[in-house]
N, C-alpha and C. Protein backbone atom coordinates (compact mmCIF):
# COMPACT_ATOMS: atom_id res chain seq x y z
N MET A 1 82.60 124.43 99.76
CA MET A 1 82.44 123.28 98.88
C MET A 1 83.80 122.74 98.41
N ARG A 2 84.70 123.65 98.10
CA ARG A 2 86.01 123.23 97.63
C ARG A 2 86.77 122.47 98.72
N PHE A 3 86.63 122.94 99.97
CA PHE A 3 87.29 122.28 101.10
C PHE A 3 86.78 120.86 101.27
N VAL A 4 85.48 120.66 101.11
CA VAL A 4 84.89 119.33 101.25
C VAL A 4 85.42 118.41 100.15
N THR A 5 85.54 118.92 98.95
CA THR A 5 86.07 118.12 97.83
C THR A 5 87.50 117.70 98.10
N ILE A 6 88.31 118.63 98.56
CA ILE A 6 89.71 118.32 98.86
C ILE A 6 89.80 117.32 100.01
N LEU A 7 88.97 117.50 101.01
CA LEU A 7 88.95 116.58 102.15
C LEU A 7 88.57 115.16 101.72
N LEU A 8 87.55 115.05 100.89
CA LEU A 8 87.13 113.73 100.40
C LEU A 8 88.21 113.09 99.53
N LEU A 9 88.86 113.88 98.71
CA LEU A 9 89.93 113.36 97.86
C LEU A 9 91.10 112.86 98.71
N ALA A 10 91.48 113.64 99.70
CA ALA A 10 92.57 113.24 100.58
C ALA A 10 92.22 111.97 101.35
N ALA A 11 91.00 111.88 101.83
CA ALA A 11 90.57 110.69 102.58
C ALA A 11 90.57 109.46 101.68
N SER A 12 90.14 109.61 100.44
CA SER A 12 90.13 108.45 99.54
C SER A 12 91.53 108.00 99.19
N LEU A 13 92.47 108.94 99.10
CA LEU A 13 93.85 108.55 98.81
C LEU A 13 94.50 107.85 100.00
N LEU A 14 94.16 108.27 101.20
CA LEU A 14 94.75 107.67 102.39
C LEU A 14 94.13 106.33 102.76
N TYR A 15 92.83 106.21 102.62
CA TYR A 15 92.13 105.03 103.11
C TYR A 15 91.49 104.18 102.02
N GLY A 16 91.53 104.61 100.80
CA GLY A 16 90.86 103.92 99.71
C GLY A 16 91.56 102.68 99.22
N GLN A 17 92.86 102.62 99.40
CA GLN A 17 93.62 101.50 98.87
C GLN A 17 94.24 100.72 100.02
N LYS A 18 93.91 99.46 100.11
CA LYS A 18 94.53 98.60 101.12
C LYS A 18 95.78 97.96 100.52
N ARG A 19 96.80 97.90 101.32
CA ARG A 19 98.03 97.26 100.86
C ARG A 19 97.93 95.75 101.05
N PRO A 20 98.50 94.99 100.13
CA PRO A 20 98.50 93.53 100.30
C PRO A 20 99.34 93.13 101.51
N ASN A 21 99.10 91.94 102.03
CA ASN A 21 99.81 91.45 103.21
C ASN A 21 101.31 91.37 103.01
N TRP A 22 101.75 91.07 101.77
CA TRP A 22 103.18 90.89 101.55
C TRP A 22 103.95 92.20 101.63
N VAL A 23 103.26 93.33 101.63
CA VAL A 23 103.95 94.61 101.78
C VAL A 23 104.50 94.74 103.20
N LYS A 24 103.73 94.30 104.18
CA LYS A 24 104.15 94.39 105.57
C LYS A 24 105.10 93.26 105.96
N LYS A 25 104.86 92.06 105.43
CA LYS A 25 105.70 90.91 105.75
C LYS A 25 105.98 90.16 104.46
N ALA A 26 107.23 90.12 104.07
CA ALA A 26 107.62 89.48 102.81
C ALA A 26 107.31 87.99 102.83
N PRO A 27 106.82 87.44 101.71
CA PRO A 27 106.54 86.01 101.66
C PRO A 27 107.84 85.20 101.72
N VAL A 28 107.77 84.03 102.33
CA VAL A 28 108.94 83.16 102.47
C VAL A 28 108.55 81.76 101.99
N ASP A 29 109.33 81.23 101.06
CA ASP A 29 109.12 79.87 100.55
C ASP A 29 110.50 79.30 100.26
N SER A 30 110.85 78.21 100.92
CA SER A 30 112.19 77.64 100.77
C SER A 30 112.46 77.10 99.37
N LYS A 31 111.42 76.86 98.58
CA LYS A 31 111.60 76.32 97.23
C LYS A 31 111.85 77.40 96.19
N TYR A 32 111.57 78.65 96.51
CA TYR A 32 111.65 79.73 95.53
C TYR A 32 112.37 80.94 96.08
N TYR A 33 113.00 81.70 95.18
CA TYR A 33 113.54 83.00 95.53
C TYR A 33 112.46 84.02 95.18
N ILE A 34 112.08 84.82 96.13
CA ILE A 34 111.04 85.82 95.92
C ILE A 34 111.67 87.19 96.06
N GLY A 35 111.57 88.01 95.03
CA GLY A 35 112.18 89.33 95.08
C GLY A 35 111.46 90.29 94.14
N ILE A 36 111.96 91.49 94.09
CA ILE A 36 111.41 92.53 93.22
C ILE A 36 112.48 92.89 92.22
N GLY A 37 112.10 93.03 90.97
CA GLY A 37 113.07 93.36 89.94
C GLY A 37 112.53 94.40 88.98
N ALA A 38 113.38 94.89 88.13
CA ALA A 38 113.00 95.86 87.12
C ALA A 38 113.81 95.59 85.86
N ALA A 39 113.25 95.92 84.71
CA ALA A 39 113.93 95.74 83.44
C ALA A 39 113.51 96.83 82.48
N SER A 40 114.41 97.21 81.62
CA SER A 40 114.12 98.22 80.61
C SER A 40 113.25 97.61 79.53
N GLN A 41 112.28 98.36 79.07
CA GLN A 41 111.41 97.90 77.99
C GLN A 41 111.82 98.53 76.66
N ASP A 42 112.94 99.22 76.64
CA ASP A 42 113.40 99.89 75.42
C ASP A 42 114.19 98.98 74.51
N ALA A 43 114.53 97.80 74.95
CA ALA A 43 115.37 96.88 74.18
C ALA A 43 114.60 96.27 73.01
N ASP A 44 115.34 95.67 72.11
CA ASP A 44 114.77 94.98 70.97
C ASP A 44 113.98 93.76 71.46
N GLY A 45 112.95 93.35 70.75
CA GLY A 45 112.13 92.22 71.14
C GLY A 45 112.90 90.92 71.29
N ALA A 46 114.05 90.79 70.62
CA ALA A 46 114.85 89.57 70.71
C ALA A 46 115.62 89.52 72.03
N ASP A 47 115.67 90.65 72.74
CA ASP A 47 116.44 90.69 74.00
C ASP A 47 115.67 90.12 75.18
N TYR A 48 114.40 89.90 75.03
CA TYR A 48 113.62 89.39 76.17
C TYR A 48 112.70 88.28 75.82
């Protein structure tokens, strides 16, 4: 029983989530810069 549970969990992690199309091929639009960014959320509210 435990093996079946682990097998089902592994299968759901591998096949349960489909990746969006832009993961395989980045979107291109000559009017906009499209990128990925990150920012700290620890700053004061006036900083953002």
